Amino acid sequence: MKYRWVAMMMLAILGVSCSQQDSQSIVVDSEVNDLLVGMCFDDPSEEDIIIDEARNTAADNFPIVDCQALHDNEIYYIFNLPEAKEYVETETLLNSMLDVCEDKFKGYVGKSYKKSYYEMSVLTPTVTSWEDGDREVVCYAFHPNGKKIDFPLKDINE
């Protein structure tokens, strides 16, 4: 399957901080509510992943980086799930989120997902963030071999 799964993860950051990554970019850690279409981010390091096995949740710290600098992923669409009292993790729900992201891929990258060189995946609310009112789904694109890229994917048409 062409999707890289970051199944049922969402960003939950303790604060905003800056650190020097390299001579080309400044890394800014950001909360999910601060994310915007067109932002680029790196995959979290192992120490940034917190897993609560009892509640089947994960909180990640994703560093935001300049899209002209080396990065792992680029956000191309954000949408909200409908209100519901309980969070129900189902394959149908996940597939419907991925379908929305696939439909929006061409409008950002310039080529349909199925014909594109690039991959896509989704960040979703966790059980904990859902209880706090989070309904945001983040669609993002990345290099198919997991290689870092140093250019924006907007209108790349590949």
N, C-alpha and C. Protein backbone atom coordinates (compact mmCIF):
# COMPACT_ATOMS: atom_id res chain seq x y z
N MET A 1 0.85 -1.18 0.00
CA MET A 1 0.00 0.00 0.00
C MET A 1 0.89 1.24 0.00
N LYS A 2 0.44 2.29 -0.66
CA LYS A 2 1.27 3.46 -0.88
C LYS A 2 1.31 4.41 0.32
N TYR A 3 0.51 4.20 1.34
CA TYR A 3 0.45 5.13 2.47
C TYR A 3 1.47 4.78 3.54
N ARG A 4 2.09 5.79 4.12
CA ARG A 4 2.91 5.60 5.30
C ARG A 4 2.00 5.94 6.46
N TRP A 5 1.81 5.03 7.37
CA TRP A 5 0.84 5.22 8.45
C TRP A 5 1.46 5.90 9.66
N VAL A 6 0.84 6.95 10.04
CA VAL A 6 1.08 7.57 11.33
C VAL A 6 -0.30 7.50 11.97
N ALA A 7 -0.79 6.26 12.06
CA ALA A 7 -2.18 6.02 12.40
C ALA A 7 -2.50 6.51 13.80
N MET A 8 -3.54 7.28 13.86
CA MET A 8 -4.13 7.78 15.10
C MET A 8 -3.14 8.51 16.00
N MET A 9 -2.22 9.25 15.39
CA MET A 9 -1.31 10.11 16.15
C MET A 9 -1.75 11.55 16.00
N MET A 10 -1.43 12.35 16.95
CA MET A 10 -1.67 13.79 16.82
C MET A 10 -0.59 14.51 17.58
N LEU A 11 -0.43 15.73 17.24
CA LEU A 11 0.61 16.54 17.86
C LEU A 11 0.12 17.07 19.19
N ALA A 12 0.92 16.91 20.24
CA ALA A 12 0.61 17.49 21.54
C ALA A 12 1.93 17.98 22.12
N ILE A 13 2.19 19.23 21.99
CA ILE A 13 3.48 19.79 22.33
C ILE A 13 3.40 20.53 23.67
N LEU A 14 4.41 20.43 24.47
CA LEU A 14 4.42 21.10 25.77
C LEU A 14 4.62 22.60 25.66
N GLY A 15 5.26 23.06 24.62
CA GLY A 15 5.49 24.49 24.48
C GLY A 15 6.12 24.78 23.14
N VAL A 16 6.43 26.03 22.92
CA VAL A 16 7.08 26.43 21.69
C VAL A 16 8.51 26.81 22.02
N SER A 17 9.44 26.21 21.31
CA SER A 17 10.84 26.53 21.55
C SER A 17 11.58 26.54 20.23
N CYS A 18 12.72 27.21 20.21
CA CYS A 18 13.54 27.28 19.00
C CYS A 18 14.90 26.69 19.30
N SER A 19 15.47 26.06 18.29
CA SER A 19 16.84 25.59 18.41
C SER A 19 17.48 25.63 17.04
N GLN A 20 18.77 25.80 16.99
CA GLN A 20 19.48 25.85 15.71
C GLN A 20 19.65 24.43 15.20
N GLN A 21 19.14 24.12 13.99
CA GLN A 21 19.29 22.80 13.41
C GLN A 21 20.55 22.74 12.57
N ASP A 22 20.71 23.66 11.67
CA ASP A 22 21.90 23.75 10.83
C ASP A 22 22.00 25.18 10.34
N SER A 23 22.94 25.44 9.47
CA SER A 23 23.14 26.81 9.02
C SER A 23 22.01 27.31 8.13
N GLN A 24 21.14 26.41 7.66
CA GLN A 24 20.10 26.81 6.73
C GLN A 24 18.74 27.06 7.38
N SER A 25 18.48 26.48 8.52
CA SER A 25 17.13 26.60 9.04
C SER A 25 17.09 26.69 10.56
N ILE A 26 16.01 27.24 11.04
CA ILE A 26 15.70 27.28 12.46
C ILE A 26 14.54 26.31 12.67
N VAL A 27 14.64 25.47 13.68
CA VAL A 27 13.59 24.51 13.99
C VAL A 27 12.69 25.13 15.04
N VAL A 28 11.39 25.08 14.82
CA VAL A 28 10.42 25.60 15.78
C VAL A 28 9.45 24.48 16.10
N ASP A 29 9.35 24.11 17.38
CA ASP A 29 8.38 23.11 17.79
C ASP A 29 7.04 23.81 17.94
N SER A 30 5.98 23.19 17.42
CA SER A 30 4.69 23.86 17.38
C SER A 30 3.56 22.92 17.75
N GLU A 31 2.50 23.49 18.34
CA GLU A 31 1.30 22.71 18.64
C GLU A 31 0.51 22.51 17.36
N VAL A 32 -0.31 21.46 17.34
CA VAL A 32 -1.08 21.14 16.14
C VAL A 32 -1.98 22.29 15.72
N ASN A 33 -2.51 23.03 16.67
CA ASN A 33 -3.40 24.14 16.33
C ASN A 33 -2.67 25.27 15.63
N ASP A 34 -1.34 25.27 15.70
CA ASP A 34 -0.54 26.30 15.04
C ASP A 34 -0.13 25.91 13.63
N LEU A 35 -0.40 24.67 13.24
CA LEU A 35 0.02 24.20 11.92
C LEU A 35 -0.84 24.79 10.83
N LEU A 36 -0.19 25.09 9.69
CA LEU A 36 -0.87 25.67 8.55
C LEU A 36 -0.47 24.94 7.28
N VAL A 37 -1.34 25.00 6.29
CA VAL A 37 -1.02 24.45 4.98
C VAL A 37 0.23 25.16 4.45
N GLY A 38 1.15 24.39 3.90
CA GLY A 38 2.39 24.94 3.37
C GLY A 38 3.56 24.86 4.33
N MET A 39 3.31 24.51 5.59
CA MET A 39 4.39 24.34 6.56
C MET A 39 5.09 23.01 6.31
N CYS A 40 6.39 22.97 6.58
CA CYS A 40 7.17 21.74 6.48
C CYS A 40 7.62 21.32 7.87
N PHE A 41 7.71 20.01 8.10
CA PHE A 41 8.14 19.52 9.40
C PHE A 41 8.95 18.24 9.25
N ASP A 42 9.74 17.96 10.27
CA ASP A 42 10.52 16.74 10.32
C ASP A 42 9.79 15.68 11.13
N ASP A 43 10.13 14.43 10.88
CA ASP A 43 9.60 13.34 11.69
C ASP A 43 10.12 13.51 13.11
N PRO A 44 9.36 13.06 14.10
CA PRO A 44 9.82 13.20 15.48
C PRO A 44 10.98 12.24 15.77
N SER A 45 11.83 12.64 16.69
CA SER A 45 12.88 11.73 17.15
C SER A 45 12.24 10.75 18.13
N GLU A 46 12.94 9.68 18.44
CA GLU A 46 12.39 8.67 19.35
C GLU A 46 12.05 9.26 20.71
N GLU A 47 12.86 10.20 21.20
CA GLU A 47 12.59 10.78 22.52
C GLU A 47 11.39 11.72 22.50
N ASP A 48 10.94 12.13 21.32
CA ASP A 48 9.78 13.02 21.22
C ASP A 48 8.46 12.26 21.15
N ILE A 49 8.52 10.94 21.05
CA ILE A 49 7.30 10.14 20.96
C ILE A 49 6.96 9.62 22.34
N ILE A 50 5.74 9.89 22.78
CA ILE A 50 5.25 9.44 24.08
C ILE A 50 4.04 8.56 23.81
N ILE A 51 4.09 7.32 24.26
CA ILE A 51 2.98 6.41 24.01
C ILE A 51 2.32 6.05 25.33
N ASP A 52 1.01 6.23 25.38
CA ASP A 52 0.20 5.85 26.53
C ASP A 52 -0.56 4.60 26.11
N GLU A 53 0.00 3.43 26.41
CA GLU A 53 -0.58 2.16 25.96
C GLU A 53 -1.99 1.95 26.52
N ALA A 54 -2.25 2.41 27.73
CA ALA A 54 -3.56 2.21 28.34
C ALA A 54 -4.66 2.92 27.56
N ARG A 55 -4.32 4.06 26.94
CA ARG A 55 -5.34 4.82 26.21
C ARG A 55 -5.11 4.79 24.71
N ASN A 56 -4.12 4.02 24.27
CA ASN A 56 -3.82 3.89 22.84
C ASN A 56 -3.61 5.25 22.18
N THR A 57 -2.78 6.06 22.80
CA THR A 57 -2.53 7.39 22.26
C THR A 57 -1.04 7.63 22.11
N ALA A 58 -0.70 8.59 21.29
CA ALA A 58 0.69 9.00 21.13
C ALA A 58 0.72 10.50 20.96
N ALA A 59 1.70 11.12 21.56
CA ALA A 59 1.88 12.57 21.40
C ALA A 59 3.26 12.78 20.82
N ASP A 60 3.33 13.55 19.79
CA ASP A 60 4.59 13.76 19.09
C ASP A 60 4.96 15.23 19.04
N ASN A 61 6.24 15.47 19.05
CA ASN A 61 6.79 16.81 18.91
C ASN A 61 7.41 16.87 17.51
N PHE A 62 6.76 17.57 16.60
CA PHE A 62 7.22 17.67 15.22
C PHE A 62 7.87 19.03 15.00
N PRO A 63 9.16 19.06 14.72
CA PRO A 63 9.82 20.34 14.46
C PRO A 63 9.41 20.93 13.11
N ILE A 64 8.96 22.19 13.13
CA ILE A 64 8.61 22.92 11.92
C ILE A 64 9.90 23.51 11.35
N VAL A 65 10.12 23.33 10.05
CA VAL A 65 11.33 23.86 9.41
C VAL A 65 10.96 24.60 8.13
N ASP A 66 11.85 25.45 7.67
CA ASP A 66 11.67 26.16 6.41
C ASP A 66 11.64 25.14 5.28
N CYS A 67 10.71 25.28 4.35
CA CYS A 67 10.57 24.33 3.25
C CYS A 67 11.73 24.38 2.26
N GLN A 68 12.55 25.42 2.31
CA GLN A 68 13.75 25.49 1.46
C GLN A 68 14.92 24.75 2.10
N ALA A 69 14.80 24.39 3.37
CA ALA A 69 15.82 23.62 4.08
C ALA A 69 15.42 22.14 4.05
N LEU A 70 16.34 21.27 4.42
CA LEU A 70 16.04 19.84 4.45
C LEU A 70 14.89 19.57 5.41
N HIS A 71 13.90 18.80 4.95
CA HIS A 71 12.76 18.44 5.78
C HIS A 71 12.17 17.11 5.32
N ASP A 72 11.34 16.52 6.18
CA ASP A 72 10.73 15.22 5.89
C ASP A 72 9.35 15.33 5.25
N ASN A 73 8.54 16.30 5.66
CA ASN A 73 7.12 16.33 5.29
C ASN A 73 6.65 17.75 5.01
N GLU A 74 5.56 17.85 4.23
CA GLU A 74 4.95 19.16 3.95
C GLU A 74 3.43 19.03 4.07
N ILE A 75 2.84 19.94 4.83
CA ILE A 75 1.39 19.95 5.04
C ILE A 75 0.71 20.56 3.83
N TYR A 76 -0.27 19.83 3.27
CA TYR A 76 -0.95 20.36 2.09
C TYR A 76 -2.46 20.53 2.27
N TYR A 77 -3.03 20.02 3.34
CA TYR A 77 -4.46 20.21 3.57
C TYR A 77 -4.76 19.92 5.04
N ILE A 78 -5.69 20.70 5.61
CA ILE A 78 -6.13 20.50 6.99
C ILE A 78 -7.65 20.60 7.00
N PHE A 79 -8.30 19.67 7.69
CA PHE A 79 -9.76 19.72 7.80
C PHE A 79 -10.18 19.18 9.17
N ASN A 80 -11.43 19.44 9.52
CA ASN A 80 -11.98 18.99 10.80
C ASN A 80 -12.97 17.86 10.59
N LEU A 81 -12.91 16.88 11.48
CA LEU A 81 -13.89 15.79 11.49
C LEU A 81 -15.18 16.30 12.11
N PRO A 82 -16.31 15.68 11.78
CA PRO A 82 -17.57 16.09 12.39
C PRO A 82 -17.57 15.81 13.90
N GLU A 83 -18.37 16.58 14.61
CA GLU A 83 -18.49 16.39 16.05
C GLU A 83 -19.07 15.01 16.36
N ALA A 84 -18.58 14.42 17.40
CA ALA A 84 -19.11 13.15 17.91
C ALA A 84 -18.74 13.09 19.39
N LYS A 85 -19.59 12.47 20.17
CA LYS A 85 -19.33 12.41 21.60
C LYS A 85 -18.12 11.55 21.92
N GLU A 86 -18.02 10.41 21.24
CA GLU A 86 -16.94 9.47 21.52
C GLU A 86 -16.02 9.31 20.33
N TYR A 87 -14.77 9.10 20.63
CA TYR A 87 -13.78 8.82 19.60
C TYR A 87 -13.85 7.34 19.28
N VAL A 88 -14.11 7.02 18.05
CA VAL A 88 -14.19 5.62 17.64
C VAL A 88 -13.14 5.40 16.55
N GLU A 89 -12.12 4.65 16.88
CA GLU A 89 -11.05 4.37 15.92
C GLU A 89 -11.47 3.18 15.07
N THR A 90 -11.76 3.44 13.82
CA THR A 90 -12.15 2.37 12.91
C THR A 90 -11.36 2.48 11.62
N GLU A 91 -11.24 1.38 10.94
CA GLU A 91 -10.56 1.38 9.64
C GLU A 91 -11.34 2.23 8.64
N THR A 92 -12.67 2.21 8.75
CA THR A 92 -13.51 3.01 7.86
C THR A 92 -13.25 4.50 8.05
N LEU A 93 -13.15 4.94 9.30
CA LEU A 93 -12.87 6.34 9.59
C LEU A 93 -11.50 6.74 9.05
N LEU A 94 -10.50 5.92 9.31
CA LEU A 94 -9.15 6.23 8.83
C LEU A 94 -9.13 6.28 7.30
N ASN A 95 -9.78 5.32 6.66
CA ASN A 95 -9.81 5.31 5.19
C ASN A 95 -10.53 6.53 4.64
N SER A 96 -11.59 6.99 5.32
CA SER A 96 -12.29 8.18 4.83
C SER A 96 -11.41 9.43 4.97
N MET A 97 -10.61 9.50 6.04
CA MET A 97 -9.67 10.62 6.19
C MET A 97 -8.62 10.58 5.08
N LEU A 98 -8.10 9.40 4.80
CA LEU A 98 -7.10 9.25 3.74
C LEU A 98 -7.70 9.58 2.37
N ASP A 99 -8.97 9.24 2.17
CA ASP A 99 -9.64 9.58 0.90
C ASP A 99 -9.72 11.09 0.71
N VAL A 100 -10.06 11.82 1.77
CA VAL A 100 -10.11 13.29 1.69
C VAL A 100 -8.72 13.81 1.33
N CYS A 101 -7.70 13.31 2.01
CA CYS A 101 -6.33 13.77 1.73
C CYS A 101 -5.92 13.45 0.30
N GLU A 102 -6.29 12.27 -0.18
CA GLU A 102 -5.96 11.91 -1.56
C GLU A 102 -6.66 12.84 -2.55
N ASP A 103 -7.91 13.17 -2.28
CA ASP A 103 -8.66 14.08 -3.17
C ASP A 103 -8.04 15.47 -3.23
N LYS A 104 -7.46 15.93 -2.13
CA LYS A 104 -6.90 17.29 -2.06
C LYS A 104 -5.44 17.37 -2.52
N PHE A 105 -4.81 16.24 -2.73
CA PHE A 105 -3.39 16.17 -3.09
C PHE A 105 -3.08 16.93 -4.38
N LYS A 106 -3.85 16.69 -5.43
CA LYS A 106 -3.58 17.31 -6.73
C LYS A 106 -3.65 18.83 -6.67
N GLY A 107 -4.60 19.37 -5.91
CA GLY A 107 -4.74 20.82 -5.81
C GLY A 107 -3.53 21.51 -5.22
N TYR A 108 -2.73 20.78 -4.47
CA TYR A 108 -1.53 21.36 -3.85
C TYR A 108 -0.26 20.99 -4.62
N VAL A 109 -0.08 19.71 -4.87
CA VAL A 109 1.14 19.23 -5.51
C VAL A 109 1.12 19.47 -7.03
N GLY A 110 -0.07 19.43 -7.63
CA GLY A 110 -0.19 19.67 -9.06
C GLY A 110 -0.36 18.41 -9.89
N LYS A 111 -0.33 17.25 -9.25
CA LYS A 111 -0.53 15.98 -9.93
C LYS A 111 -1.33 15.09 -8.99
N SER A 112 -2.19 14.25 -9.55
CA SER A 112 -3.00 13.38 -8.70
C SER A 112 -2.09 12.47 -7.87
N TYR A 113 -2.59 12.07 -6.72
CA TYR A 113 -1.80 11.24 -5.82
C TYR A 113 -1.34 9.95 -6.52
N LYS A 114 -2.25 9.32 -7.24
CA LYS A 114 -1.92 8.04 -7.88
C LYS A 114 -0.85 8.18 -8.96
N LYS A 115 -0.72 9.36 -9.53
CA LYS A 115 0.29 9.59 -10.58
C LYS A 115 1.53 10.31 -10.06
N SER A 116 1.47 10.75 -8.83
CA SER A 116 2.58 11.52 -8.25
C SER A 116 3.73 10.62 -7.81
N TYR A 117 4.90 11.17 -7.82
CA TYR A 117 6.09 10.52 -7.30
C TYR A 117 6.04 10.50 -5.77
N TYR A 118 5.39 11.49 -5.17
CA TYR A 118 5.40 11.67 -3.72
C TYR A 118 4.30 10.87 -3.04
N GLU A 119 4.52 10.60 -1.77
CA GLU A 119 3.58 9.86 -0.92
C GLU A 119 2.80 10.83 -0.05
N MET A 120 1.75 10.33 0.59
CA MET A 120 1.00 11.16 1.53
C MET A 120 0.52 10.31 2.69
N SER A 121 0.24 10.98 3.79
CA SER A 121 -0.33 10.34 4.96
C SER A 121 -1.10 11.38 5.76
N VAL A 122 -1.50 11.01 6.96
CA VAL A 122 -2.40 11.84 7.74
C VAL A 122 -2.04 11.78 9.22
N LEU A 123 -2.19 12.91 9.90
CA LEU A 123 -2.10 12.98 11.36
C LEU A 123 -3.52 13.18 11.85
N THR A 124 -3.91 12.41 12.85
CA THR A 124 -5.29 12.44 13.31
C THR A 124 -5.36 12.70 14.82
N PRO A 125 -6.54 13.06 15.32
CA PRO A 125 -6.69 13.22 16.77
C PRO A 125 -6.44 11.90 17.50
N THR A 126 -5.97 12.00 18.72
CA THR A 126 -5.85 10.83 19.59
C THR A 126 -7.09 10.78 20.47
N VAL A 127 -7.24 9.72 21.23
CA VAL A 127 -8.35 9.62 22.17
C VAL A 127 -8.31 10.80 23.13
N THR A 128 -7.14 11.10 23.66
CA THR A 128 -6.98 12.19 24.63
C THR A 128 -7.29 13.54 24.01
N SER A 129 -6.74 13.82 22.83
CA SER A 129 -7.00 15.13 22.22
C SER A 129 -8.46 15.26 21.79
N TRP A 130 -9.08 14.15 21.41
CA TRP A 130 -10.50 14.16 21.04
C TRP A 130 -11.34 14.60 22.24
N GLU A 131 -11.02 14.07 23.42
CA GLU A 131 -11.73 14.44 24.64
C GLU A 131 -11.57 15.93 24.95
N ASP A 132 -10.49 16.53 24.47
CA ASP A 132 -10.24 17.96 24.65
C ASP A 132 -10.83 18.80 23.52
N GLY A 133 -11.59 18.17 22.62
CA GLY A 133 -12.26 18.91 21.55
C GLY A 133 -11.53 18.95 20.22
N ASP A 134 -10.41 18.26 20.11
CA ASP A 134 -9.64 18.26 18.86
C ASP A 134 -10.33 17.41 17.80
N ARG A 135 -10.56 17.99 16.63
CA ARG A 135 -11.15 17.26 15.49
C ARG A 135 -10.31 17.44 14.23
N GLU A 136 -9.13 18.04 14.37
CA GLU A 136 -8.33 18.42 13.21
C GLU A 136 -7.55 17.24 12.62
N VAL A 137 -7.59 17.13 11.30
CA VAL A 137 -6.84 16.13 10.55
C VAL A 137 -5.86 16.88 9.65
N VAL A 138 -4.61 16.47 9.66
CA VAL A 138 -3.55 17.12 8.88
C VAL A 138 -3.08 16.16 7.80
N CYS A 139 -3.21 16.58 6.53
CA CYS A 139 -2.71 15.80 5.40
C CYS A 139 -1.32 16.30 5.06
N TYR A 140 -0.39 15.38 4.85
CA TYR A 140 0.97 15.80 4.51
C TYR A 140 1.58 14.88 3.46
N ALA A 141 2.53 15.44 2.71
CA ALA A 141 3.23 14.71 1.65
C ALA A 141 4.69 14.55 2.03
N PHE A 142 5.33 13.52 1.44
CA PHE A 142 6.73 13.25 1.75
C PHE A 142 7.38 12.45 0.62
N HIS A 143 8.70 12.35 0.64
CA HIS A 143 9.46 11.60 -0.35
C HIS A 143 9.17 10.10 -0.17
N PRO A 144 8.98 9.35 -1.26
CA PRO A 144 8.60 7.94 -1.14
C PRO A 144 9.64 7.05 -0.47
N ASN A 145 10.89 7.43 -0.49
CA ASN A 145 11.94 6.63 0.15
C ASN A 145 12.32 7.17 1.51
N GLY A 146 11.55 8.11 2.01
CA GLY A 146 11.84 8.69 3.31
C GLY A 146 13.02 9.65 3.31
N LYS A 147 13.48 10.03 2.13
CA LYS A 147 14.60 10.97 2.04
C LYS A 147 14.12 12.38 2.33
N LYS A 148 15.00 13.18 2.90
CA LYS A 148 14.67 14.58 3.14
C LYS A 148 14.70 15.33 1.81
N ILE A 149 13.84 16.33 1.70
CA ILE A 149 13.82 17.18 0.51
C ILE A 149 14.13 18.61 0.93
N ASP A 150 14.59 19.42 -0.01
CA ASP A 150 14.98 20.80 0.33
C ASP A 150 14.30 21.82 -0.57
N PHE A 151 13.04 21.53 -0.89
CA PHE A 151 12.25 22.44 -1.72
C PHE A 151 10.78 22.21 -1.37
N PRO A 152 9.94 23.21 -1.61
CA PRO A 152 8.51 23.03 -1.35
C PRO A 152 7.87 22.13 -2.41
N LEU A 153 6.83 21.42 -2.02
CA LEU A 153 6.11 20.54 -2.95
C LEU A 153 4.94 21.24 -3.63
N LYS A 154 4.62 22.45 -3.20
CA LYS A 154 3.52 23.20 -3.79
C LYS A 154 3.75 23.36 -5.29
N ASP A 155 2.78 22.91 -6.08
CA ASP A 155 2.80 23.02 -7.55
C ASP A 155 4.03 22.39 -8.20
N ILE A 156 4.62 21.39 -7.58
CA ILE A 156 5.81 20.74 -8.15
C ILE A 156 5.45 19.88 -9.36
N ASN A 157 4.22 19.42 -9.42
CA ASN A 157 3.69 18.66 -10.57
C ASN A 157 4.49 17.38 -10.84
N GLU A 158 4.91 16.71 -9.80
CA GLU A 158 5.62 15.43 -9.93
C GLU A 158 4.90 14.34 -9.16
